[in-house]
Amino acid sequence: MDPATVKLAGAPVATQGRGTPMTSVADLNRDGRLDLLLHFRTQDLQLTPASTEAVLKGKTFSGQLIRGTDSIRLVP
């Protein structure tokens, strides 16, 4: 996945320094496959107190669209 194209609930991947996306790669769930970890700034998420779902959208480096959703519960 191309981190420059990813948005979670309308928020882009957080950046550091000269606009470098905040990402890392590791086997987070210990299934033997590398996972892409992306960081987002909570204040950039376009969610309301009534939101019950968050959508992640992006593209692979070859241009394939990716979309995922999951249920959420916001805690003040």
C-alpha atoms as a PDB file:
ATOM      1  CA  MET A   1       0.000   0.000   0.000  1.00  0.00           C
ATOM      2  CA  ASP A   2       1.242   3.477  -0.826  1.00  0.00           C
ATOM      3  CA  PRO A   3       1.132   5.432   2.484  1.00  0.00           C
ATOM      4  CA  ALA A   4       0.852   8.737   0.589  1.00  0.00           C
ATOM      5  CA  THR A   5      -2.601   7.676  -0.666  1.00  0.00           C
ATOM      6  CA  VAL A   6      -4.049   6.299   2.579  1.00  0.00           C
ATOM      7  CA  LYS A   7      -6.768   8.025   4.572  1.00  0.00           C
ATOM      8  CA  LEU A   8      -8.508   6.803   7.713  1.00  0.00           C
ATOM      9  CA  ALA A   9     -11.833   8.522   8.366  1.00  0.00           C
ATOM     10  CA  GLY A  10     -10.656  11.275   6.008  1.00  0.00           C
ATOM     11  CA  ALA A  11      -7.320  11.789   7.809  1.00  0.00           C
ATOM     12  CA  PRO A  12      -4.046  11.307   5.936  1.00  0.00           C
ATOM     13  CA  VAL A  13      -1.143   9.332   7.361  1.00  0.00           C
ATOM     14  CA  ALA A  14       0.733  11.523   9.868  1.00  0.00           C
ATOM     15  CA  THR A  15       4.072  12.865   8.695  1.00  0.00           C
ATOM     16  CA  GLN A  16       7.341  13.824  10.323  1.00  0.00           C
ATOM     17  CA  GLY A  17      10.369  15.836   9.311  1.00  0.00           C
ATOM     18  CA  ARG A  18      10.129  16.790   5.652  1.00  0.00           C
ATOM     19  CA  GLY A  19       6.768  15.155   5.099  1.00  0.00           C
ATOM     20  CA  THR A  20       7.908  11.567   5.566  1.00  0.00           C
ATOM     21  CA  PRO A  21       4.883   9.345   6.343  1.00  0.00           C
ATOM     22  CA  MET A  22       5.004   7.824   9.830  1.00  0.00           C
ATOM     23  CA  THR A  23       5.041   4.107   9.040  1.00  0.00           C
ATOM     24  CA  SER A  24       6.777   0.938  10.073  1.00  0.00           C
ATOM     25  CA  VAL A  25       6.779  -2.681   8.967  1.00  0.00           C
ATOM     26  CA  ALA A  26       6.750  -5.587  11.433  1.00  0.00           C
ATOM     27  CA  ASP A  27       4.995  -8.890  12.070  1.00  0.00           C
ATOM     28  CA  LEU A  28       2.603  -7.368  14.604  1.00  0.00           C
ATOM     29  CA  ASN A  29       0.254 -10.336  14.953  1.00  0.00           C
ATOM     30  CA  ARG A  30       2.980 -13.001  14.731  1.00  0.00           C
ATOM     31  CA  ASP A  31       1.500 -14.771  11.703  1.00  0.00           C
ATOM     32  CA  GLY A  32       4.790 -14.817   9.794  1.00  0.00           C
ATOM     33  CA  ARG A  33       3.754 -11.985   7.464  1.00  0.00           C
ATOM     34  CA  LEU A  34       4.936  -8.407   7.628  1.00  0.00           C
ATOM     35  CA  ASP A  35       2.262  -5.839   8.522  1.00  0.00           C
ATOM     36  CA  LEU A  36       2.242  -2.158   7.564  1.00  0.00           C
ATOM     37  CA  LEU A  37       1.687   0.071  10.603  1.00  0.00           C
ATOM     38  CA  LEU A  38       0.423   3.578   9.790  1.00  0.00           C
ATOM     39  CA  HIS A  39       0.089   6.454  12.255  1.00  0.00           C
ATOM     40  CA  PHE A  40      -2.748   9.003  12.171  1.00  0.00           C
ATOM     41  CA  ARG A  41      -3.320  12.124  14.240  1.00  0.00           C
ATOM     42  CA  THR A  42      -6.567  11.700  16.164  1.00  0.00           C
ATOM     43  CA  GLN A  43      -7.464  15.377  15.712  1.00  0.00           C
ATOM     44  CA  ASP A  44      -7.403  14.859  11.906  1.00  0.00           C
ATOM     45  CA  LEU A  45      -9.983  12.061  11.947  1.00  0.00           C
ATOM     46  CA  GLN A  46     -13.300  13.234  10.519  1.00  0.00           C
ATOM     47  CA  LEU A  47     -15.521  11.521  13.053  1.00  0.00           C
ATOM     48  CA  THR A  48     -18.433  12.736  15.155  1.00  0.00           C
ATOM     49  CA  PRO A  49     -19.560  11.523  18.594  1.00  0.00           C
ATOM     50  CA  ALA A  50     -22.267   9.563  16.758  1.00  0.00           C
ATOM     51  CA  SER A  51     -19.798   7.789  14.426  1.00  0.00           C
ATOM     52  CA  THR A  52     -19.958   4.002  14.620  1.00  0.00           C
ATOM     53  CA  GLU A  53     -17.725   3.112  11.658  1.00  0.00           C
ATOM     54  CA  ALA A  54     -14.350   4.216  10.287  1.00  0.00           C
ATOM     55  CA  VAL A  55     -13.281   3.740   6.660  1.00  0.00           C
ATOM     56  CA  LEU A  56      -9.705   3.282   5.463  1.00  0.00           C
ATOM     57  CA  LYS A  57      -9.005   3.985   1.776  1.00  0.00           C
ATOM     58  CA  GLY A  58      -5.830   3.949  -0.279  1.00  0.00           C
ATOM     59  CA  LYS A  59      -4.001   2.540  -3.266  1.00  0.00           C
ATOM     60  CA  THR A  60      -1.266   0.009  -3.782  1.00  0.00           C
ATOM     61  CA  PHE A  61       1.913   1.125  -5.517  1.00  0.00           C
ATOM     62  CA  SER A  62       0.479  -0.432  -8.699  1.00  0.00           C
ATOM     63  CA  GLY A  63      -2.682   1.704  -8.419  1.00  0.00           C
ATOM     64  CA  GLN A  64      -5.144  -0.900  -7.106  1.00  0.00           C
ATOM     65  CA  LEU A  65      -7.775   0.666  -4.849  1.00  0.00           C
ATOM     66  CA  ILE A  66      -8.096  -0.659  -1.298  1.00  0.00           C
ATOM     67  CA  ARG A  67     -10.977  -0.002   1.087  1.00  0.00           C
ATOM     68  CA  GLY A  68     -11.674  -1.368   4.545  1.00  0.00           C
ATOM     69  CA  THR A  69     -14.188  -0.590   7.268  1.00  0.00           C
ATOM     70  CA  ASP A  70     -14.584  -1.465  10.911  1.00  0.00           C
ATOM     71  CA  SER A  71     -16.938  -0.569  13.701  1.00  0.00           C
ATOM     72  CA  ILE A  72     -15.724   1.929  16.284  1.00  0.00           C
ATOM     73  CA  ARG A  73     -16.798   3.348  19.624  1.00  0.00           C
ATOM     74  CA  LEU A  74     -15.542   6.811  20.499  1.00  0.00           C
ATOM     75  CA  VAL A  75     -14.617   7.386  24.118  1.00  0.00           C
ATOM     76  CA  PRO A  76     -14.494  11.029  25.251  1.00  0.00           C
END
